[in-house]
Protein backbone atom coordinates (compact mmCIF):
# COMPACT_ATOMS: atom_id res chain seq x y z
CA MET A 1 -27.24 38.95 136.14
CA SER A 2 -26.21 36.12 138.51
CA ALA A 3 -29.20 36.85 140.74
CA LEU A 4 -30.68 34.08 142.88
CA LEU A 5 -34.03 34.20 141.07
CA ARG A 6 -35.99 30.96 140.93
CA GLN A 7 -38.98 32.32 139.02
CA ILE A 8 -39.90 35.21 136.77
CA PRO A 9 -40.42 38.29 138.98
CA ALA A 10 -43.99 39.40 139.52
CA ASN A 11 -45.29 42.97 139.07
CA ILE A 12 -43.05 43.80 136.09
CA PRO A 13 -44.03 47.27 134.76
CA PRO A 14 -46.36 46.84 131.77
CA ASP A 15 -44.35 49.14 129.48
CA ILE A 16 -41.11 47.11 129.75
CA ARG A 17 -39.73 46.27 126.29
CA LYS A 18 -36.68 44.15 127.20
CA ILE A 19 -36.04 41.63 129.98
CA ARG A 20 -32.67 39.97 130.49
CA ILE A 21 -32.18 37.38 133.27
CA GLU A 22 -28.97 35.34 132.90
CA ASN A 23 -26.83 33.04 135.09
CA SER A 24 -29.67 32.68 137.53
CA HIS A 25 -31.61 29.73 138.98
CA LEU A 26 -34.69 29.72 136.76
CA THR A 27 -35.83 26.13 136.17
CA GLU A 28 -39.07 26.60 134.22
CA LEU A 29 -41.27 28.99 132.29
CA PRO A 30 -44.77 28.46 133.70
CA ARG A 31 -48.00 29.50 132.08
CA GLY A 32 -48.71 33.21 132.08
CA SER A 33 -45.16 34.16 133.08
CA PHE A 34 -45.44 37.48 131.21
CA GLU A 35 -49.16 38.11 131.46
CA ASN A 36 -48.81 41.80 132.35
CA VAL A 37 -46.00 42.78 129.96
CA SER A 38 -47.63 42.59 126.55
CA ALA A 39 -45.29 45.30 125.21
CA LEU A 40 -42.24 43.03 125.66
CA GLU A 41 -40.07 42.75 122.50
CA TYR A 42 -36.81 41.21 123.74
CA LEU A 43 -36.55 38.30 126.19
CA TRP A 44 -33.10 36.95 127.09
CA LEU A 45 -32.98 34.01 129.52
CA ASN A 46 -29.54 32.59 128.69
CA PHE A 47 -27.49 30.29 130.96
CA ASN A 48 -30.15 29.37 133.47
CA ASN A 49 -31.37 25.88 134.41
CA ILE A 50 -34.62 25.94 132.48
CA THR A 51 -35.80 22.39 131.77
CA VAL A 52 -39.55 22.93 131.25
CA MET A 53 -41.34 25.40 129.01
CA HIS A 54 -45.13 25.46 129.31
CA ILE A 55 -47.16 25.45 126.12
CA LYS A 56 -48.69 28.81 127.18
CA SER A 57 -45.55 30.34 128.68
CA LEU A 58 -45.37 32.95 125.84
CA GLU A 59 -49.02 33.91 126.04
CA TYR A 60 -49.76 37.66 125.92
CA LEU A 61 -46.50 38.45 124.00
CA PRO A 62 -47.72 39.39 120.51
CA ALA A 63 -44.93 41.98 120.10
CA LEU A 64 -42.03 39.64 120.98
CA LYS A 65 -39.26 39.86 118.36
CA GLU A 66 -36.34 38.10 120.03
CA LEU A 67 -36.20 35.05 122.33
CA ARG A 68 -32.83 33.76 123.52
CA LEU A 69 -32.65 30.56 125.61
CA GLN A 70 -29.00 29.64 125.06
CA GLY A 71 -27.26 27.37 127.57
CA ASN A 72 -30.29 25.92 129.33
CA LYS A 73 -31.37 22.29 129.80
CA LEU A 74 -34.34 22.01 127.44
CA SER A 75 -34.71 18.53 125.97
CA SER A 76 -37.91 19.52 124.14
CA VAL A 77 -39.78 22.67 123.18
CA PRO A 78 -43.56 23.07 122.85
CA TRP A 79 -43.38 24.47 119.31
CA THR A 80 -47.07 25.36 119.24
CA ALA A 81 -46.27 27.93 121.94
CA PHE A 82 -44.98 30.19 119.13
CA GLN A 83 -48.52 30.67 117.88
CA ASP A 84 -48.64 33.45 120.50
CA THR A 85 -45.54 35.19 119.06
CA PRO A 86 -46.32 35.79 115.34
CA THR A 87 -43.71 38.57 114.97
CA LEU A 88 -40.77 36.57 116.38
CA LYS A 89 -37.62 37.12 114.27
CA ILE A 90 -34.79 35.67 116.38
CA LEU A 91 -34.90 32.32 118.19
CA ASP A 92 -31.70 31.14 119.88
CA LEU A 93 -31.78 27.61 121.32
CA LYS A 94 -28.12 26.63 121.05
CA HIS A 95 -26.37 24.66 123.81
CA ASN A 96 -29.51 22.89 125.02
CA ARG A 97 -30.42 19.19 124.97
CA LEU A 98 -32.92 19.04 122.10
CA ASP A 99 -32.91 15.55 120.57
CA VAL A 100 -35.88 15.70 118.21
CA LEU A 101 -37.65 18.17 115.92
CA PRO A 102 -41.24 17.26 114.98
CA GLU A 103 -42.34 17.95 111.42
CA HIS A 104 -44.55 20.88 112.50
CA ALA A 105 -41.80 22.51 114.60
CA LEU A 106 -41.23 25.58 112.36
CA ARG A 107 -44.77 25.95 111.10
CA TYR A 108 -45.56 28.72 113.61
CA LEU A 109 -42.41 30.78 112.91
CA PRO A 110 -43.25 32.54 109.63
CA ASN A 111 -41.12 35.67 110.16
CA LEU A 112 -37.88 34.21 111.54
CA THR A 113 -34.65 35.65 110.22
CA TYR A 114 -32.36 33.77 112.64
CA LEU A 115 -32.77 30.23 114.03
CA ASP A 116 -29.94 28.66 116.03
CA LEU A 117 -30.25 24.95 116.87
CA SER A 118 -26.52 24.26 117.08
CA SER A 119 -24.83 22.30 119.87
CA ASN A 120 -27.84 20.20 120.82
CA GLN A 121 -28.42 16.42 120.71
CA LEU A 122 -30.11 16.15 117.30
CA THR A 123 -29.31 12.86 115.53
CA ILE A 124 -32.14 12.27 113.04
CA ILE A 125 -34.34 14.89 111.42
CA SER A 126 -36.80 14.86 108.53
CA ARG A 127 -36.46 17.32 105.66
CA ASP A 128 -40.20 17.96 106.05
CA VAL A 129 -39.34 20.04 109.13
CA PHE A 130 -37.95 22.67 106.74
CA TYR A 131 -40.30 21.98 103.83
CA ASN A 132 -43.14 22.97 106.22
CA TRP A 133 -41.34 26.16 107.28
CA PRO A 134 -43.19 29.19 105.84
CA VAL A 135 -39.85 30.91 105.16
CA TYR A 136 -38.77 28.04 102.88
CA GLN A 137 -42.16 27.78 101.21
CA ARG A 138 -42.11 31.50 100.33
CA SER A 139 -38.67 31.13 98.76
CA GLN A 140 -39.96 28.30 96.55
CA ARG A 141 -43.00 30.30 95.39
CA THR A 142 -41.05 33.47 94.53
CA GLU A 143 -40.71 33.93 90.79
CA GLY A 144 -38.98 37.31 90.80
CA PRO A 145 -35.49 38.22 92.08
CA LEU A 146 -34.50 36.66 95.42
CA GLU A 147 -33.52 40.07 96.76
CA SER A 148 -37.19 40.68 97.46
CA VAL A 149 -37.21 37.82 100.01
CA SER A 150 -35.63 38.31 103.44
CA ASN A 151 -32.71 36.05 104.25
CA ALA A 152 -32.99 33.59 107.11
CA VAL A 153 -29.85 32.37 108.90
CA LEU A 154 -29.99 28.73 110.03
CA ALA A 155 -27.47 27.14 112.44
CA LEU A 156 -27.45 23.32 112.72
CA HIS A 157 -23.79 22.46 113.31
CA ASP A 158 -22.30 20.60 116.29
CA ASN A 159 -25.08 18.05 116.58
CA PRO A 160 -24.35 14.27 116.69
CA TRP A 161 -25.92 13.49 113.30
CA ILE A 162 -26.34 9.77 112.49
CA CYS A 163 -25.77 9.53 108.73
CA ASP A 164 -27.87 6.51 107.78
CA CYS A 165 -30.90 6.18 105.53
CA ARG A 166 -33.12 8.08 107.97
CA LEU A 167 -31.10 11.24 107.36
CA ARG A 168 -31.15 10.89 103.57
CA GLY A 169 -33.81 13.55 102.94
CA PHE A 170 -32.21 16.04 105.34
CA VAL A 171 -28.75 15.57 103.77
CA GLN A 172 -30.28 16.24 100.34
CA PHE A 173 -31.91 19.38 101.75
CA ILE A 174 -28.60 20.64 103.18
CA LYS A 175 -26.82 19.99 99.86
CA SER A 176 -29.44 21.90 97.89
CA VAL A 177 -30.27 24.74 100.27
CA GLY A 178 -29.39 28.25 99.19
CA PRO A 179 -30.52 31.85 99.62
CA PRO A 180 -32.74 33.11 101.07
CA ILE A 181 -31.87 30.35 103.62
CA ILE A 182 -28.23 30.72 104.64
CA LEU A 183 -26.44 28.10 106.72
CA MET A 184 -24.22 29.60 109.40
CA ASN A 185 -21.94 26.57 108.96
CA SER A 186 -22.57 24.47 105.84
CA TYR A 187 -19.94 21.85 106.79
CA LEU A 188 -22.17 19.60 108.83
CA THR A 189 -20.42 16.37 109.87
CA CYS A 190 -21.54 12.83 110.68
CA SER A 191 -21.08 11.38 114.16
CA GLY A 192 -22.25 7.89 113.21
CA PRO A 193 -22.37 5.15 112.17
CA LYS A 194 -18.74 4.38 112.91
CA PHE A 195 -17.59 4.06 109.29
CA ARG A 196 -18.95 7.56 108.50
CA THR A 197 -17.74 9.37 111.62
CA GLY A 198 -16.18 12.71 110.73
CA LYS A 199 -17.39 12.79 107.12
CA PHE A 200 -19.06 15.93 105.78
CA PHE A 201 -22.62 15.77 104.48
CA HIS A 202 -21.48 16.60 100.95
CA GLU A 203 -19.16 13.54 101.01
CA VAL A 204 -21.81 10.90 101.74
CA GLU A 205 -24.45 9.27 99.55
CA LEU A 206 -27.20 7.65 101.60
CA ASN A 207 -29.47 4.87 100.38
CA SER A 208 -33.17 4.49 101.02
CA CYS A 209 -34.30 2.66 104.13
CA THR A 210 -35.08 -1.06 103.80
CA LYS A 211 -36.71 -3.69 105.96
CA PRO A 212 -34.27 -6.23 107.48
CA LEU A 213 -33.49 -9.44 105.62
CA THR A 214 -32.01 -12.36 107.59
CA SER A 215 -30.19 -15.41 106.23
CA ALA A 216 -27.90 -18.23 107.38
CA LEU A 217 -25.37 -20.30 105.48
CA ASP A 218 -26.72 -23.51 107.02
CA THR A 219 -30.09 -23.81 108.74
CA ASN A 220 -29.59 -27.47 109.77
CA LEU A 221 -26.50 -28.34 111.82
CA THR A 222 -25.43 -31.67 113.31
CA VAL A 223 -22.50 -31.43 115.70
CA PRO A 224 -20.76 -33.75 118.19
CA ALA A 225 -21.36 -33.22 121.89
CA GLY A 226 -18.75 -31.42 123.95
CA LEU A 227 -17.61 -28.97 121.28
CA ASN A 228 -18.02 -25.17 121.23
CA ILE A 229 -20.59 -24.32 118.57
CA THR A 230 -21.08 -20.94 116.86
CA LEU A 231 -24.35 -20.22 115.07
CA THR A 232 -24.16 -17.41 112.51
CA CYS A 233 -26.79 -15.32 110.79
CA PHE A 234 -26.41 -12.42 108.36
CA VAL A 235 -28.70 -9.41 108.41
CA GLN A 236 -29.16 -6.83 105.67
CA GLY A 237 -31.14 -3.69 106.37
CA SER A 238 -31.04 0.06 106.64
CA PRO A 239 -30.93 1.59 109.17
CA SER A 240 -28.79 -1.01 110.91
CA PRO A 241 -31.29 -3.27 112.70
CA ALA A 242 -31.25 -4.52 116.27
CA VAL A 243 -30.48 -8.27 116.39
CA TRP A 244 -31.28 -10.83 119.09
CA TRP A 245 -31.41 -14.63 119.47
CA THR A 246 -34.14 -16.74 121.04
CA TYR A 247 -34.33 -20.42 121.98
CA ALA A 248 -37.61 -22.05 123.03
CA LEU A 249 -39.22 -18.58 123.11
CA LYS A 250 -36.62 -17.36 125.63
CA LEU A 251 -34.23 -14.48 124.95
CA LEU A 252 -30.65 -15.71 125.09
CA ARG A 253 -28.02 -14.01 127.19
CA ALA A 254 -26.33 -11.10 125.44
CA PHE A 255 -22.77 -12.00 126.50
CA ASN A 256 -22.93 -15.12 124.28
CA VAL A 257 -23.90 -13.00 121.24
CA THR A 258 -21.60 -10.81 119.14
CA THR A 259 -22.91 -8.59 116.34
CA GLU A 260 -20.60 -6.61 114.07
CA PRO A 261 -20.95 -4.84 110.69
CA ILE A 262 -19.25 -6.42 107.69
CA SER A 263 -20.40 -3.83 105.13
CA GLU A 264 -22.45 -0.65 104.97
CA ASP A 265 -25.82 -2.41 105.18
CA THR A 266 -24.91 -5.93 106.40
CA VAL A 267 -24.12 -7.18 109.89
CA ARG A 268 -23.07 -10.61 111.13
CA SER A 269 -24.44 -11.95 114.40
CA GLU A 270 -22.89 -14.97 116.11
CA LEU A 271 -24.25 -17.04 118.99
CA LEU A 272 -21.74 -19.12 120.96
CA ILE A 273 -22.90 -22.38 122.59
CA PRO A 274 -20.02 -23.61 124.79
CA ALA A 275 -19.57 -27.38 125.21
CA ALA A 276 -22.76 -28.33 123.39
CA ARG A 277 -24.91 -31.00 125.06
CA PRO A 278 -27.88 -33.00 123.76
CA ALA A 279 -30.10 -30.72 125.87
CA ASP A 280 -28.94 -27.78 123.70
CA ALA A 281 -30.52 -29.26 120.58
CA GLY A 282 -33.46 -27.46 119.01
CA ASN A 283 -34.35 -24.37 116.98
CA TYR A 284 -32.40 -21.15 117.50
CA THR A 285 -34.00 -18.05 115.99
CA CYS A 286 -32.08 -14.97 114.87
CA THR A 287 -34.40 -11.94 114.70
CA ALA A 288 -33.65 -8.48 113.32
CA ALA A 289 -35.79 -5.35 113.50
CA ASN A 290 -35.72 -1.70 112.55
CA PHE A 291 -38.50 0.88 112.27
CA LEU A 292 -39.71 -0.66 108.98
CA GLY A 293 -40.38 -4.10 110.44
CA ASN A 294 -38.72 -7.34 111.54
CA THR A 295 -37.74 -10.70 110.12
CA SER A 296 -36.08 -13.87 111.41
CA VAL A 297 -34.33 -17.08 110.41
CA ALA A 298 -34.31 -20.35 112.38
CA ILE A 299 -31.30 -22.66 112.67
CA ASN A 300 -31.96 -26.24 113.75
CA LEU A 301 -29.19 -27.71 115.89
CA ARG A 302 -28.76 -31.45 116.49
CA VAL A 303 -26.19 -32.60 119.05
CA VAL A 304 -25.04 -36.21 118.82
CA ALA A 305 -22.54 -38.43 120.65
CA PRO A 306 -18.97 -37.74 119.45
CA TRP A 307 -18.52 -41.19 117.86
CA ALA A 308 -20.29 -43.84 115.84
CA SER A 309 -20.81 -47.51 116.26
CA THR A 310 -21.69 -50.26 113.88
CA THR A 311 -22.72 -52.61 116.68
CA PRO A 312 -24.99 -50.63 119.00
CA ARG A 313 -28.15 -49.50 117.21
CA GLY A 314 -28.97 -45.83 116.72
CA TRP A 315 -25.40 -44.45 116.74
CA ALA A 316 -23.92 -43.09 113.52
CA PRO A 317 -20.14 -43.10 112.91
CA MET A 318 -18.38 -39.88 113.92
CA VAL A 319 -14.77 -40.85 114.72
CA PRO A 320 -13.27 -44.17 113.63
CA ALA A 321 -11.92 -46.37 116.39
CA GLU A 322 -8.25 -47.08 116.61
CA PRO A 323 -7.60 -50.84 116.41
CA SER A 324 -5.41 -50.77 119.51
CA ALA A 325 -7.86 -48.78 121.68
CA HIS A 326 -9.80 -51.56 123.44
CA VAL A 327 -11.62 -51.54 126.78
CA GLU A 328 -12.65 -54.63 128.76
CA VAL A 329 -15.81 -54.01 130.77
CA ARG A 330 -17.75 -56.11 133.30
CA ILE A 331 -20.47 -55.73 135.91
CA ALA A 332 -18.87 -55.76 139.34
CA LYS A 333 -22.11 -55.47 141.34
CA GLN A 334 -25.81 -55.43 140.53
CA THR A 335 -28.86 -54.42 142.54
CA VAL A 336 -32.53 -54.09 141.73
CA TYR A 337 -32.18 -50.41 140.77
CA GLY A 338 -28.60 -50.16 139.49
CA ILE A 339 -25.24 -51.68 138.68
CA THR A 340 -21.57 -50.96 139.29
CA LEU A 341 -19.32 -51.17 136.23
CA GLU A 342 -15.62 -51.89 136.18
CA TRP A 343 -13.40 -51.62 133.13
CA PHE A 344 -9.79 -52.02 132.09
CA ALA A 345 -8.20 -50.22 129.11
CA ALA A 346 -5.79 -52.44 127.21
CA ALA A 347 -2.95 -51.72 124.76
CA ALA A 348 -2.51 -48.13 123.58
CA ALA A 349 -5.61 -46.99 125.39
CA ALA A 350 -3.81 -47.66 128.66
CA ALA A 351 -0.46 -46.27 127.58
CA GLU A 352 -1.18 -43.02 129.42
CA PRO A 353 -3.90 -43.87 131.95
CA GLY A 354 -3.47 -40.51 133.68
CA GLU A 355 -4.70 -38.73 130.53
CA THR A 356 -7.31 -41.13 129.19
CA TRP A 357 -10.97 -40.09 129.27
CA TYR A 358 -13.83 -42.56 128.96
CA THR A 359 -17.41 -42.27 127.86
CA LEU A 360 -20.32 -44.36 129.15
CA LEU A 361 -23.48 -44.91 127.14
CA VAL A 362 -26.38 -46.12 129.25
CA GLY A 363 -29.96 -46.72 128.20
CA ARG A 364 -32.74 -49.19 127.72
CA TYR A 365 -31.85 -51.91 125.28
CA ASP A 366 -34.53 -50.92 122.77
CA ALA A 367 -33.89 -47.14 123.02
CA ALA A 368 -32.54 -45.40 119.91
CA GLN A 369 -30.48 -42.94 121.96
CA LYS A 370 -28.55 -43.51 125.17
CA ASP A 371 -27.53 -41.17 127.98
CA THR A 372 -23.90 -40.01 127.78
CA ILE A 373 -21.61 -39.85 130.83
CA TYR A 374 -18.02 -38.58 130.62
CA ILE A 375 -15.48 -40.12 133.02
CA GLY A 376 -12.22 -38.34 133.82
CA PRO A 377 -8.72 -39.84 133.86
CA GLY A 378 -7.73 -42.28 136.57
CA VAL A 379 -11.27 -43.64 137.18
CA ASN A 380 -12.25 -47.20 136.15
CA THR A 381 -15.50 -47.80 138.07
CA TYR A 382 -18.88 -46.17 137.95
CA SER A 383 -22.25 -46.88 139.57
CA VAL A 384 -25.44 -46.40 137.57
CA THR A 385 -28.51 -45.89 139.78
CA ASP A 386 -32.22 -45.09 139.50
CA LEU A 387 -32.83 -47.82 136.90
CA LEU A 388 -36.23 -49.39 136.44
CA PRO A 389 -36.68 -52.90 137.92
CA ALA A 390 -37.20 -55.91 135.66
CA THR A 391 -35.99 -53.92 132.61
CA LYS A 392 -33.44 -54.80 129.93
CA TYR A 393 -30.56 -52.29 129.65
CA GLU A 394 -27.41 -51.86 127.58
CA VAL A 395 -24.24 -50.08 128.72
CA CYS A 396 -21.05 -49.40 126.71
CA VAL A 397 -17.66 -48.04 127.79
CA ALA A 398 -15.24 -46.56 125.25
CA VAL A 399 -12.22 -44.34 125.07
CA ARG A 400 -13.64 -40.88 124.50
CA ASN A 401 -14.32 -39.96 120.84
CA GLN A 402 -13.91 -43.58 119.74
CA ALA A 403 -16.51 -46.14 118.76
CA PRO A 404 -17.38 -48.92 121.20
CA ARG A 405 -16.11 -52.29 119.94
CA LYS A 406 -17.14 -55.83 120.61
CA GLY A 407 -16.77 -56.67 124.28
CA GLN A 408 -17.20 -53.06 125.39
CA CYS A 409 -21.01 -53.26 125.65
CA VAL A 410 -22.91 -55.23 128.28
CA VAL A 411 -26.61 -56.15 128.17
CA PHE A 412 -28.31 -56.91 131.50
CA VAL A 413 -31.74 -57.10 133.08
CA THR A 414 -32.44 -55.47 136.41
CA GLY A 415 -33.96 -57.66 139.13
CA SER A 416 -37.50 -57.82 140.48
CA ASP A 417 -38.48 -55.03 142.83
CA VAL A 418 -39.73 -57.60 145.46
CA SER A 419 -36.66 -58.34 147.58
CA GLN A 420 -36.30 -60.76 150.49
CA MET A 421 -36.55 -57.84 152.90
CA GLU A 422 -39.78 -56.75 151.25
CA GLN A 423 -41.12 -60.36 151.45
CA ARG A 424 -40.21 -60.48 155.14
CA GLU A 425 -41.99 -57.16 155.70
CA LYS A 426 -45.07 -58.54 153.93
CA LEU A 427 -44.99 -61.67 156.18
CA ILE A 428 -44.77 -59.48 159.30
CA HIS A 429 -47.76 -57.49 158.04
CA ILE A 430 -49.76 -60.72 157.61
CA VAL A 431 -48.88 -61.89 161.14
CA VAL A 432 -49.90 -58.52 162.58
CA ILE A 433 -53.24 -58.68 160.77
CA VAL A 434 -53.91 -62.24 162.01
CA CYS A 435 -53.08 -61.26 165.60
CA ALA A 436 -55.44 -58.32 165.35
CA MET A 437 -58.21 -60.62 164.14
CA VAL A 438 -57.56 -63.05 167.03
CA LEU A 439 -57.70 -60.25 169.57
CA ALA A 440 -60.98 -59.13 168.11
CA VAL A 441 -62.72 -62.54 168.82
CA PRO A 442 -65.61 -62.10 171.37
CA ALA A 443 -64.86 -63.10 174.98
CA GLY A 444 -67.69 -65.68 174.96
CA MET A 445 -66.12 -67.66 172.13
CA TYR A 446 -62.82 -67.58 173.97
CA ALA A 447 -64.54 -69.04 177.04
CA CYS A 448 -66.05 -71.81 174.91
CA THR A 449 -62.69 -72.82 173.60
CA ALA A 450 -61.16 -72.70 177.08
CA GLU A 451 -63.58 -75.13 178.72
CA ALA A 452 -64.55 -78.71 177.92
CA LEU A 453 -66.77 -79.14 174.91
CA PRO A 454 -69.69 -81.02 176.68
CA GLY A 455 -70.13 -78.37 179.33
CA CYS A 456 -70.06 -75.66 176.76
CA LEU A 457 -72.72 -77.41 174.69
CA ALA A 458 -74.93 -77.92 177.77
CA ARG A 459 -74.83 -74.23 178.59
């Protein structure tokens, strides 16, 4: 007890029938730990730090009747290891970290009379784990009085059971179990999902598992630019599926997504798009998945300018213009690749110039859609650059969220891209080329031109 042992001692006398090592520093049970003590019947290794148990750690222990591993750190157990202990009657695994029981777990424990799996991390378990237990199978085959069958005590309490469809078969087993299998504590409780927390197994009715089904109230949305948009999809499925959103095959950031249950088998997932822009348009896909499969629904989002116009082509009405909201606009300066606009808001539009926002629409004259530029209060000039030369453009200025009216749109053509400076540079290039050609004339020809023509001809 409380010894500083880090492994099972070697050279244990072969006739030892009981070993008890507790509150020590054992961390594993390696293979062949008890190779020389085949007479061992009782093995207590409680309250150590055992995290690993080798599949052959119980080899050479055919007489073992009792194995206690309470208060260790086992997250899994090699259940096939019990093939080497056919006479085992007591198995105590409480206060470990077991989180799963495979369907064959109890198949190699035919003579158990006490199994304690309480206070572990079990959440989901199949009823087949117990249907495959030889003790349970014998009780189902017995036709005579049950007194002829040995009782088996089973402890499963204090585990964080998740009471959804995956636990349906196990809950039915617990409700129907009776002698010779006796539950140490028959009041098993649910730890999840949230709306079932604290309920007893006999109080819940669980449905069968279903593949997710996704839907949306509207799969085609048209919204004005600049507004916060929330896309919503509804998901039905059991167990509750995982939900995520994608846009252009990219997973969207989780902090813009909220998912919450609205009923036992339905959740609502919302995707927030703050200050929607035309670049945010496209298909947004809501996908849901559980262990039965996955499904998705796509929502098509179209973002348009927050107004309409009857004059400029390609803009549909969104907000009617106020008769008094009028803006005078003119071109203050024009270059080959851009222009500078200047505007003046008249009447009510200028009543509070410190709070008035403006919107510029700029694009080629024949384009169906124009680029949108928002201008803050107190500004009445703006330069548009990077335009194509010798191209016809249209630009409109309006009070934000109102339709451009007559006189608020200007059509212009950018100049040629050959400026006077460029022409001068071309002339300089020509002069340089001519000079180079003159310098390349042979010296003899230069001599001919320098002297009198008769003498040159004579030579």
